[in-house]
Amino acid sequence: LRDADRRHPGFGFAESKGYPSPAHRAALAERGATTYHRRTWSFMHGLPAIGEPPRDRHGAPPRLF
């Protein structure tokens, strides 16, 4: 997880205890999933796929204004 932490700062992988911290969940919502995230993890539901920009709660693309 230290390698994941270097590649994807902000998720708190280095401090991971195997459960989602509030900061990790916030990073998922803001940045989307990485290749390190399990697709079967219950917190993945509704998150953007790898390589897609994060979406708001209603599934609309993010807007500037």
PDB file of N, CA and C in Angstrom:
ATOM      1  N   LEU A   1       0.807  -1.200   0.000  1.00  0.00           N
ATOM      2  CA  LEU A   1       0.000   0.000   0.000  1.00  0.00           C
ATOM      3  C   LEU A   1       0.850   1.265   0.000  1.00  0.00           C
ATOM      4  N   ARG A   2       2.089   1.138   0.389  1.00  0.00           N
ATOM      5  CA  ARG A   2       2.966   2.315   0.323  1.00  0.00           C
ATOM      6  C   ARG A   2       3.182   2.747  -1.123  1.00  0.00           C
ATOM      7  N   ASP A   3       3.314   1.759  -2.029  1.00  0.00           N
ATOM      8  CA  ASP A   3       3.449   2.075  -3.448  1.00  0.00           C
ATOM      9  C   ASP A   3       2.183   2.769  -3.952  1.00  0.00           C
ATOM     10  N   ALA A   4       1.027   2.268  -3.563  1.00  0.00           N
ATOM     11  CA  ALA A   4      -0.244   2.890  -3.953  1.00  0.00           C
ATOM     12  C   ALA A   4      -0.321   4.313  -3.420  1.00  0.00           C
ATOM     13  N   ASP A   5       0.179   4.530  -2.219  1.00  0.00           N
ATOM     14  CA  ASP A   5       0.158   5.864  -1.620  1.00  0.00           C
ATOM     15  C   ASP A   5       1.030   6.836  -2.409  1.00  0.00           C
ATOM     16  N   ARG A   6       2.172   6.364  -2.897  1.00  0.00           N
ATOM     17  CA  ARG A   6       3.048   7.219  -3.710  1.00  0.00           C
ATOM     18  C   ARG A   6       2.404   7.531  -5.063  1.00  0.00           C
ATOM     19  N   ARG A   7       1.762   6.550  -5.654  1.00  0.00           N
ATOM     20  CA  ARG A   7       1.157   6.729  -6.978  1.00  0.00           C
ATOM     21  C   ARG A   7      -0.146   7.523  -6.938  1.00  0.00           C
ATOM     22  N   HIS A   8      -0.861   7.412  -5.831  1.00  0.00           N
ATOM     23  CA  HIS A   8      -2.172   8.054  -5.710  1.00  0.00           C
ATOM     24  C   HIS A   8      -2.266   8.793  -4.382  1.00  0.00           C
ATOM     25  N   PRO A   9      -1.562   9.922  -4.252  1.00  0.00           N
ATOM     26  CA  PRO A   9      -1.612  10.669  -2.992  1.00  0.00           C
ATOM     27  C   PRO A   9      -3.026  11.178  -2.709  1.00  0.00           C
ATOM     28  N   GLY A  10      -3.331  11.292  -1.445  1.00  0.00           N
ATOM     29  CA  GLY A  10      -4.628  11.816  -1.048  1.00  0.00           C
ATOM     30  C   GLY A  10      -5.618  10.764  -0.596  1.00  0.00           C
ATOM     31  N   PHE A  11      -5.364   9.491  -0.925  1.00  0.00           N
ATOM     32  CA  PHE A  11      -6.267   8.419  -0.515  1.00  0.00           C
ATOM     33  C   PHE A  11      -5.915   7.859   0.860  1.00  0.00           C
ATOM     34  N   GLY A  12      -4.695   8.099   1.314  1.00  0.00           N
ATOM     35  CA  GLY A  12      -4.280   7.586   2.615  1.00  0.00           C
ATOM     36  C   GLY A  12      -4.000   6.097   2.619  1.00  0.00           C
ATOM     37  N   PHE A  13      -3.549   5.559   1.487  1.00  0.00           N
ATOM     38  CA  PHE A  13      -3.259   4.130   1.413  1.00  0.00           C
ATOM     39  C   PHE A  13      -2.228   3.698   2.452  1.00  0.00           C
ATOM     40  N   ALA A  14      -1.218   4.516   2.715  1.00  0.00           N
ATOM     41  CA  ALA A  14      -0.152   4.134   3.650  1.00  0.00           C
ATOM     42  C   ALA A  14      -0.682   3.934   5.064  1.00  0.00           C
ATOM     43  N   GLU A  15      -1.755   4.626   5.404  1.00  0.00           N
ATOM     44  CA  GLU A  15      -2.336   4.501   6.740  1.00  0.00           C
ATOM     45  C   GLU A  15      -3.501   3.520   6.773  1.00  0.00           C
ATOM     46  N   SER A  16      -3.767   2.840   5.672  1.00  0.00           N
ATOM     47  CA  SER A  16      -4.942   1.968   5.564  1.00  0.00           C
ATOM     48  C   SER A  16      -4.905   0.831   6.572  1.00  0.00           C
ATOM     49  N   LYS A  17      -6.066   0.586   7.156  1.00  0.00           N
ATOM     50  CA  LYS A  17      -6.229  -0.542   8.080  1.00  0.00           C
ATOM     51  C   LYS A  17      -7.206  -1.566   7.505  1.00  0.00           C
ATOM     52  N   GLY A  18      -7.563  -1.416   6.236  1.00  0.00           N
ATOM     53  CA  GLY A  18      -8.470  -2.352   5.598  1.00  0.00           C
ATOM     54  C   GLY A  18      -9.925  -1.919   5.612  1.00  0.00           C
ATOM     55  N   TYR A  19     -10.193  -0.748   6.097  1.00  0.00           N
ATOM     56  CA  TYR A  19     -11.557  -0.222   6.078  1.00  0.00           C
ATOM     57  C   TYR A  19     -11.492   1.233   5.621  1.00  0.00           C
ATOM     58  N   PRO A  20     -12.582   1.779   5.100  1.00  0.00           N
ATOM     59  CA  PRO A  20     -12.530   3.131   4.538  1.00  0.00           C
ATOM     60  C   PRO A  20     -12.599   4.224   5.595  1.00  0.00           C
ATOM     61  N   SER A  21     -11.571   5.025   5.665  1.00  0.00           N
ATOM     62  CA  SER A  21     -11.600   6.189   6.550  1.00  0.00           C
ATOM     63  C   SER A  21     -12.443   7.273   5.880  1.00  0.00           C
ATOM     64  N   PRO A  22     -12.919   8.239   6.635  1.00  0.00           N
ATOM     65  CA  PRO A  22     -13.661   9.344   6.014  1.00  0.00           C
ATOM     66  C   PRO A  22     -12.846  10.055   4.926  1.00  0.00           C
ATOM     67  N   ALA A  23     -11.551  10.232   5.152  1.00  0.00           N
ATOM     68  CA  ALA A  23     -10.705  10.902   4.154  1.00  0.00           C
ATOM     69  C   ALA A  23     -10.587  10.062   2.885  1.00  0.00           C
ATOM     70  N   HIS A  24     -10.490   8.741   3.040  1.00  0.00           N
ATOM     71  CA  HIS A  24     -10.379   7.857   1.881  1.00  0.00           C
ATOM     72  C   HIS A  24     -11.682   7.875   1.076  1.00  0.00           C
ATOM     73  N   ARG A  25     -12.794   7.824   1.757  1.00  0.00           N
ATOM     74  CA  ARG A  25     -14.086   7.869   1.066  1.00  0.00           C
ATOM     75  C   ARG A  25     -14.273   9.207   0.354  1.00  0.00           C
ATOM     76  N   ALA A  26     -13.826  10.292   0.963  1.00  0.00           N
ATOM     77  CA  ALA A  26     -13.917  11.605   0.320  1.00  0.00           C
ATOM     78  C   ALA A  26     -13.051  11.644  -0.937  1.00  0.00           C
ATOM     79  N   ALA A  27     -11.858  11.059  -0.868  1.00  0.00           N
ATOM     80  CA  ALA A  27     -10.976  11.015  -2.037  1.00  0.00           C
ATOM     81  C   ALA A  27     -11.606  10.182  -3.149  1.00  0.00           C
ATOM     82  N   LEU A  28     -12.250   9.078  -2.808  1.00  0.00           N
ATOM     83  CA  LEU A  28     -12.941   8.269  -3.814  1.00  0.00           C
ATOM     84  C   LEU A  28     -14.035   9.078  -4.505  1.00  0.00           C
ATOM     85  N   ALA A  29     -14.813   9.792  -3.727  1.00  0.00           N
ATOM     86  CA  ALA A  29     -15.901  10.586  -4.297  1.00  0.00           C
ATOM     87  C   ALA A  29     -15.371  11.710  -5.182  1.00  0.00           C
ATOM     88  N   GLU A  30     -14.248  12.301  -4.783  1.00  0.00           N
ATOM     89  CA  GLU A  30     -13.678  13.427  -5.525  1.00  0.00           C
ATOM     90  C   GLU A  30     -12.884  12.984  -6.741  1.00  0.00           C
ATOM     91  N   ARG A  31     -12.098  11.921  -6.596  1.00  0.00           N
ATOM     92  CA  ARG A  31     -11.140  11.527  -7.637  1.00  0.00           C
ATOM     93  C   ARG A  31     -11.518  10.278  -8.409  1.00  0.00           C
ATOM     94  N   GLY A  32     -12.466   9.509  -7.888  1.00  0.00           N
ATOM     95  CA  GLY A  32     -12.806   8.246  -8.524  1.00  0.00           C
ATOM     96  C   GLY A  32     -11.865   7.142  -8.067  1.00  0.00           C
ATOM     97  N   ALA A  33     -12.109   5.953  -8.543  1.00  0.00           N
ATOM     98  CA  ALA A  33     -11.344   4.776  -8.135  1.00  0.00           C
ATOM     99  C   ALA A  33     -10.009   4.689  -8.862  1.00  0.00           C
ATOM    100  N   THR A  34      -9.096   3.954  -8.265  1.00  0.00           N
ATOM    101  CA  THR A  34      -7.807   3.661  -8.886  1.00  0.00           C
ATOM    102  C   THR A  34      -7.771   2.173  -9.215  1.00  0.00           C
ATOM    103  N   THR A  35      -6.710   1.728  -9.841  1.00  0.00           N
ATOM    104  CA  THR A  35      -6.576   0.298 -10.138  1.00  0.00           C
ATOM    105  C   THR A  35      -6.379  -0.519  -8.871  1.00  0.00           C
ATOM    106  N   TYR A  36      -6.079   0.130  -7.759  1.00  0.00           N
ATOM    107  CA  TYR A  36      -5.897  -0.567  -6.490  1.00  0.00           C
ATOM    108  C   TYR A  36      -7.229  -0.893  -5.807  1.00  0.00           C
ATOM    109  N   HIS A  37      -8.304  -0.267  -6.230  1.00  0.00           N
ATOM    110  CA  HIS A  37      -9.597  -0.475  -5.581  1.00  0.00           C
ATOM    111  C   HIS A  37     -10.303  -1.709  -6.136  1.00  0.00           C
ATOM    112  N   ARG A  38     -10.797  -2.539  -5.222  1.00  0.00           N
ATOM    113  CA  ARG A  38     -11.560  -3.732  -5.612  1.00  0.00           C
ATOM    114  C   ARG A  38     -12.932  -3.315  -6.124  1.00  0.00           C
ATOM    115  N   ARG A  39     -13.323  -3.855  -7.252  1.00  0.00           N
ATOM    116  CA  ARG A  39     -14.626  -3.537  -7.838  1.00  0.00           C
ATOM    117  C   ARG A  39     -15.779  -4.119  -7.023  1.00  0.00           C
ATOM    118  N   THR A  40     -15.516  -5.127  -6.218  1.00  0.00           N
ATOM    119  CA  THR A  40     -16.566  -5.759  -5.412  1.00  0.00           C
ATOM    120  C   THR A  40     -16.749  -5.076  -4.065  1.00  0.00           C
ATOM    121  N   TRP A  41     -15.925  -4.102  -3.752  1.00  0.00           N
ATOM    122  CA  TRP A  41     -16.003  -3.391  -2.478  1.00  0.00           C
ATOM    123  C   TRP A  41     -17.312  -2.623  -2.427  1.00  0.00           C
ATOM    124  N   SER A  42     -18.047  -2.715  -1.348  1.00  0.00           N
ATOM    125  CA  SER A  42     -19.377  -2.103  -1.263  1.00  0.00           C
ATOM    126  C   SER A  42     -19.351  -0.587  -1.455  1.00  0.00           C
ATOM    127  N   PHE A  43     -18.266   0.071  -1.120  1.00  0.00           N
ATOM    128  CA  PHE A  43     -18.183   1.526  -1.263  1.00  0.00           C
ATOM    129  C   PHE A  43     -17.927   1.965  -2.703  1.00  0.00           C
ATOM    130  N   MET A  44     -17.760   1.008  -3.618  1.00  0.00           N
ATOM    131  CA  MET A  44     -17.516   1.342  -5.022  1.00  0.00           C
ATOM    132  C   MET A  44     -18.807   1.669  -5.760  1.00  0.00           C
ATOM    133  N   HIS A  45     -19.943   1.274  -5.225  1.00  0.00           N
ATOM    134  CA  HIS A  45     -21.219   1.505  -5.898  1.00  0.00           C
ATOM    135  C   HIS A  45     -21.437   3.001  -6.133  1.00  0.00           C
ATOM    136  N   GLY A  46     -21.705   3.343  -7.373  1.00  0.00           N
ATOM    137  CA  GLY A  46     -21.983   4.730  -7.710  1.00  0.00           C
ATOM    138  C   GLY A  46     -20.764   5.582  -7.994  1.00  0.00           C
ATOM    139  N   LEU A  47     -19.567   5.018  -7.865  1.00  0.00           N
ATOM    140  CA  LEU A  47     -18.356   5.788  -8.153  1.00  0.00           C
ATOM    141  C   LEU A  47     -18.010   5.688  -9.630  1.00  0.00           C
ATOM    142  N   PRO A  48     -17.309   6.683 -10.173  1.00  0.00           N
ATOM    143  CA  PRO A  48     -16.921   6.616 -11.580  1.00  0.00           C
ATOM    144  C   PRO A  48     -15.929   5.484 -11.813  1.00  0.00           C
ATOM    145  N   ALA A  49     -15.953   4.954 -13.017  1.00  0.00           N
ATOM    146  CA  ALA A  49     -15.005   3.900 -13.384  1.00  0.00           C
ATOM    147  C   ALA A  49     -13.612   4.500 -13.533  1.00  0.00           C
ATOM    148  N   ILE A  50     -12.620   3.647 -13.552  1.00  0.00           N
ATOM    149  CA  ILE A  50     -11.243   4.106 -13.720  1.00  0.00           C
ATOM    150  C   ILE A  50     -11.121   4.870 -15.034  1.00  0.00           C
ATOM    151  N   GLY A  51     -10.501   6.035 -14.965  1.00  0.00           N
ATOM    152  CA  GLY A  51     -10.268   6.842 -16.147  1.00  0.00           C
ATOM    153  C   GLY A  51     -11.406   7.778 -16.500  1.00  0.00           C
ATOM    154  N   GLU A  52     -12.536   7.675 -15.807  1.00  0.00           N
ATOM    155  CA  GLU A  52     -13.652   8.582 -16.050  1.00  0.00           C
ATOM    156  C   GLU A  52     -13.618   9.694 -15.025  1.00  0.00           C
ATOM    157  N   PRO A  53     -14.027  10.892 -15.415  1.00  0.00           N
ATOM    158  CA  PRO A  53     -14.072  11.971 -14.425  1.00  0.00           C
ATOM    159  C   PRO A  53     -15.144  11.689 -13.386  1.00  0.00           C
ATOM    160  N   PRO A  54     -14.953  12.119 -12.153  1.00  0.00           N
ATOM    161  CA  PRO A  54     -15.983  11.944 -11.130  1.00  0.00           C
ATOM    162  C   PRO A  54     -17.279  12.634 -11.550  1.00  0.00           C
ATOM    163  N   ARG A  55     -18.387  12.083 -11.086  1.00  0.00           N
ATOM    164  CA  ARG A  55     -19.700  12.650 -11.389  1.00  0.00           C
ATOM    165  C   ARG A  55     -20.368  13.070 -10.092  1.00  0.00           C
ATOM    166  N   ASP A  56     -21.345  13.955 -10.216  1.00  0.00           N
ATOM    167  CA  ASP A  56     -22.061  14.352  -9.012  1.00  0.00           C
ATOM    168  C   ASP A  56     -23.038  13.249  -8.606  1.00  0.00           C
ATOM    169  N   ARG A  57     -23.781  13.477  -7.552  1.00  0.00           N
ATOM    170  CA  ARG A  57     -24.673  12.447  -7.023  1.00  0.00           C
ATOM    171  C   ARG A  57     -25.747  12.008  -8.006  1.00  0.00           C
ATOM    172  N   HIS A  58     -26.088  12.844  -8.950  1.00  0.00           N
ATOM    173  CA  HIS A  58     -27.167  12.532  -9.875  1.00  0.00           C
ATOM    174  C   HIS A  58     -26.651  11.951 -11.186  1.00  0.00           C
ATOM    175  N   GLY A  59     -25.363  11.690 -11.274  1.00  0.00           N
ATOM    176  CA  GLY A  59     -24.789  11.083 -12.467  1.00  0.00           C
ATOM    177  C   GLY A  59     -24.436  12.063 -13.575  1.00  0.00           C
ATOM    178  N   ALA A  60     -24.606  13.348 -13.345  1.00  0.00           N
ATOM    179  CA  ALA A  60     -24.276  14.340 -14.363  1.00  0.00           C
ATOM    180  C   ALA A  60     -22.781  14.636 -14.333  1.00  0.00           C
ATOM    181  N   PRO A  61     -22.200  14.933 -15.495  1.00  0.00           N
ATOM    182  CA  PRO A  61     -20.781  15.299 -15.496  1.00  0.00           C
ATOM    183  C   PRO A  61     -20.555  16.563 -14.659  1.00  0.00           C
ATOM    184  N   PRO A  62     -19.380  16.722 -14.083  1.00  0.00           N
ATOM    185  CA  PRO A  62     -19.094  17.935 -13.309  1.00  0.00           C
ATOM    186  C   PRO A  62     -19.151  19.175 -14.198  1.00  0.00           C
ATOM    187  N   ARG A  63     -19.551  20.302 -13.597  1.00  0.00           N
ATOM    188  CA  ARG A  63     -19.653  21.563 -14.334  1.00  0.00           C
ATOM    189  C   ARG A  63     -18.705  22.589 -13.730  1.00  0.00           C
ATOM    190  N   LEU A  64     -18.291  23.529 -14.565  1.00  0.00           N
ATOM    191  CA  LEU A  64     -17.442  24.606 -14.066  1.00  0.00           C
ATOM    192  C   LEU A  64     -18.251  25.654 -13.327  1.00  0.00           C
ATOM    193  N   PHE A  65     -19.466  25.926 -13.768  1.00  0.00           N
ATOM    194  CA  PHE A  65     -20.285  26.984 -13.179  1.00  0.00           C
ATOM    195  C   PHE A  65     -21.631  26.450 -12.766  1.00  0.00           C
TER     196      PHE A  65
END
